[in-house]
């Protein structure tokens, strides 16, 4: 039972409160996570909204996908499970200490 919804193509000025208000029209919003760059704190232009039920998540997708928010056409669909990402960190490539001889 998936209740987490991906929201893309957001304006960088969009707030979590705006998303909460918009999605509340489709049902009970459990949480809103606006994804931000960890270095700058600036929005990355997408978010995840968790609805109370799968039916509410589906309603949000069908009613909000393609709608306008901040002069942007929203992309709204079911969130995919997060993939494992190593990102190449912590590997044995020598790291900050350099190679061992």
C-alpha atoms as a PDB file:
ATOM      1  CA  UNK A   1       0.000   0.000   0.000  1.00  0.00           C
ATOM      2  CA  UNK A   2       1.812   3.083  -1.297  1.00  0.00           C
ATOM      3  CA  UNK A   3       0.749   6.489  -0.053  1.00  0.00           C
ATOM      4  CA  UNK A   4       3.871   8.481  -0.929  1.00  0.00           C
ATOM      5  CA  UNK A   5       3.556  10.772  -3.935  1.00  0.00           C
ATOM      6  CA  UNK A   6       6.349  12.382  -5.967  1.00  0.00           C
ATOM      7  CA  UNK A   7       5.806  16.021  -6.965  1.00  0.00           C
ATOM      8  CA  UNK A   8       8.135  17.401  -9.619  1.00  0.00           C
ATOM      9  CA  UNK A   9       8.691  20.529 -11.711  1.00  0.00           C
ATOM     10  CA  UNK A  10       8.235  22.772  -8.684  1.00  0.00           C
ATOM     11  CA  UNK A  11       9.247  26.394  -8.666  1.00  0.00           C
ATOM     12  CA  UNK A  12      12.269  26.955  -6.420  1.00  0.00           C
ATOM     13  CA  UNK A  13      10.116  29.328  -4.355  1.00  0.00           C
ATOM     14  CA  UNK A  14       7.421  26.719  -3.575  1.00  0.00           C
ATOM     15  CA  UNK A  15       7.033  26.055   0.157  1.00  0.00           C
ATOM     16  CA  UNK A  16       5.989  22.974   2.120  1.00  0.00           C
ATOM     17  CA  UNK A  17       2.941  24.880   3.374  1.00  0.00           C
ATOM     18  CA  UNK A  18       1.802  25.576  -0.207  1.00  0.00           C
ATOM     19  CA  UNK A  19       2.107  21.890  -1.053  1.00  0.00           C
ATOM     20  CA  UNK A  20       0.296  20.842   2.137  1.00  0.00           C
ATOM     21  CA  UNK A  21      -2.597  23.190   1.287  1.00  0.00           C
ATOM     22  CA  UNK A  22      -2.762  22.026  -2.331  1.00  0.00           C
ATOM     23  CA  UNK A  23      -2.718  18.308  -1.480  1.00  0.00           C
ATOM     24  CA  UNK A  24      -5.179  18.710   1.404  1.00  0.00           C
ATOM     25  CA  UNK A  25      -7.862  19.182  -1.274  1.00  0.00           C
ATOM     26  CA  UNK A  26      -7.382  15.463  -2.084  1.00  0.00           C
ATOM     27  CA  UNK A  27      -7.360  14.156   1.491  1.00  0.00           C
ATOM     28  CA  UNK A  28      -5.343  14.043   4.682  1.00  0.00           C
ATOM     29  CA  UNK A  29      -1.693  14.965   4.261  1.00  0.00           C
ATOM     30  CA  UNK A  30       0.563  12.985   6.615  1.00  0.00           C
ATOM     31  CA  UNK A  31       3.821  14.737   5.677  1.00  0.00           C
ATOM     32  CA  UNK A  32       5.499  16.973   3.114  1.00  0.00           C
ATOM     33  CA  UNK A  33       9.221  16.762   2.363  1.00  0.00           C
ATOM     34  CA  UNK A  34      10.535  19.487   0.055  1.00  0.00           C
ATOM     35  CA  UNK A  35      13.928  18.262  -1.120  1.00  0.00           C
ATOM     36  CA  UNK A  36      16.708  20.829  -0.735  1.00  0.00           C
ATOM     37  CA  UNK A  37      20.357  20.985  -1.712  1.00  0.00           C
ATOM     38  CA  UNK A  38      22.363  20.179   1.396  1.00  0.00           C
ATOM     39  CA  UNK A  39      25.050  22.774   0.625  1.00  0.00           C
ATOM     40  CA  UNK A  40      22.908  25.748  -0.401  1.00  0.00           C
ATOM     41  CA  UNK A  41      19.582  24.950   1.275  1.00  0.00           C
ATOM     42  CA  UNK A  42      17.843  25.813  -2.020  1.00  0.00           C
ATOM     43  CA  UNK A  43      14.965  23.692  -3.259  1.00  0.00           C
ATOM     44  CA  UNK A  44      15.852  21.078  -5.864  1.00  0.00           C
ATOM     45  CA  UNK A  45      12.447  21.491  -7.506  1.00  0.00           C
ATOM     46  CA  UNK A  46      10.766  18.340  -6.226  1.00  0.00           C
ATOM     47  CA  UNK A  47       9.074  17.001  -3.114  1.00  0.00           C
ATOM     48  CA  UNK A  48       7.405  13.967  -1.598  1.00  0.00           C
ATOM     49  CA  UNK A  49       3.935  14.141  -0.081  1.00  0.00           C
ATOM     50  CA  UNK A  50       2.586  11.308   2.034  1.00  0.00           C
ATOM     51  CA  UNK A  51      -1.186  10.937   2.046  1.00  0.00           C
ATOM     52  CA  UNK A  52      -3.208   9.072   4.684  1.00  0.00           C
ATOM     53  CA  UNK A  53      -4.544   6.399   2.331  1.00  0.00           C
ATOM     54  CA  UNK A  54      -3.715   4.911  -1.042  1.00  0.00           C
ATOM     55  CA  UNK A  55      -7.075   6.146  -2.386  1.00  0.00           C
ATOM     56  CA  UNK A  56      -6.196   9.712  -1.370  1.00  0.00           C
ATOM     57  CA  UNK A  57      -2.779   9.387  -3.007  1.00  0.00           C
ATOM     58  CA  UNK A  58      -4.408   8.188  -6.230  1.00  0.00           C
ATOM     59  CA  UNK A  59      -6.925  11.044  -6.072  1.00  0.00           C
ATOM     60  CA  UNK A  60      -4.107  13.566  -5.622  1.00  0.00           C
ATOM     61  CA  UNK A  61      -2.294  12.141  -8.652  1.00  0.00           C
ATOM     62  CA  UNK A  62      -5.368  12.181 -10.888  1.00  0.00           C
ATOM     63  CA  UNK A  63      -6.458  15.688  -9.893  1.00  0.00           C
ATOM     64  CA  UNK A  64      -3.090  17.464  -9.538  1.00  0.00           C
ATOM     65  CA  UNK A  65      -0.861  16.005 -12.264  1.00  0.00           C
ATOM     66  CA  UNK A  66      -0.469  18.703 -14.911  1.00  0.00           C
ATOM     67  CA  UNK A  67      -2.025  21.489 -12.826  1.00  0.00           C
ATOM     68  CA  UNK A  68      -0.331  24.862 -12.487  1.00  0.00           C
ATOM     69  CA  UNK A  69       1.458  25.998  -9.336  1.00  0.00           C
ATOM     70  CA  UNK A  70       3.668  29.069  -9.496  1.00  0.00           C
ATOM     71  CA  UNK A  71       3.457  29.159 -13.311  1.00  0.00           C
ATOM     72  CA  UNK A  72       4.810  25.602 -13.510  1.00  0.00           C
ATOM     73  CA  UNK A  73       2.986  22.492 -14.673  1.00  0.00           C
ATOM     74  CA  UNK A  74       3.266  19.927 -11.857  1.00  0.00           C
ATOM     75  CA  UNK A  75       4.360  16.336 -12.393  1.00  0.00           C
ATOM     76  CA  UNK A  76       2.592  14.179  -9.805  1.00  0.00           C
ATOM     77  CA  UNK A  77       2.892  10.388  -9.609  1.00  0.00           C
ATOM     78  CA  UNK A  78       3.511   7.544  -7.162  1.00  0.00           C
ATOM     79  CA  UNK A  79       6.936   7.724  -5.590  1.00  0.00           C
ATOM     80  CA  UNK A  80       9.261   4.881  -6.489  1.00  0.00           C
ATOM     81  CA  UNK A  81      11.133   3.045  -3.732  1.00  0.00           C
ATOM     82  CA  UNK A  82      14.478   4.611  -2.946  1.00  0.00           C
ATOM     83  CA  UNK A  83      17.394   2.882  -4.634  1.00  0.00           C
ATOM     84  CA  UNK A  84      20.546   1.978  -2.761  1.00  0.00           C
ATOM     85  CA  UNK A  85      23.217   4.459  -3.745  1.00  0.00           C
ATOM     86  CA  UNK A  86      26.820   4.174  -2.657  1.00  0.00           C
ATOM     87  CA  UNK A  87      27.843   7.267  -4.581  1.00  0.00           C
ATOM     88  CA  UNK A  88      31.442   6.063  -4.603  1.00  0.00           C
ATOM     89  CA  UNK A  89      32.028   7.266  -1.071  1.00  0.00           C
ATOM     90  CA  UNK A  90      34.003   5.290   1.424  1.00  0.00           C
ATOM     91  CA  UNK A  91      35.499   3.025  -1.194  1.00  0.00           C
ATOM     92  CA  UNK A  92      39.111   1.897  -1.329  1.00  0.00           C
ATOM     93  CA  UNK A  93      40.254   4.401  -3.940  1.00  0.00           C
ATOM     94  CA  UNK A  94      42.922   5.863  -1.723  1.00  0.00           C
ATOM     95  CA  UNK A  95      40.662   8.479  -0.177  1.00  0.00           C
ATOM     96  CA  UNK A  96      41.898  11.671   1.428  1.00  0.00           C
ATOM     97  CA  UNK A  97      44.957   9.954   2.889  1.00  0.00           C
ATOM     98  CA  UNK A  98      46.271   8.894  -0.473  1.00  0.00           C
ATOM     99  CA  UNK A  99      47.477   5.473  -1.540  1.00  0.00           C
ATOM    100  CA  UNK A 100      49.302   3.168   0.839  1.00  0.00           C
ATOM    101  CA  UNK A 101      52.706   1.927  -0.239  1.00  0.00           C
END
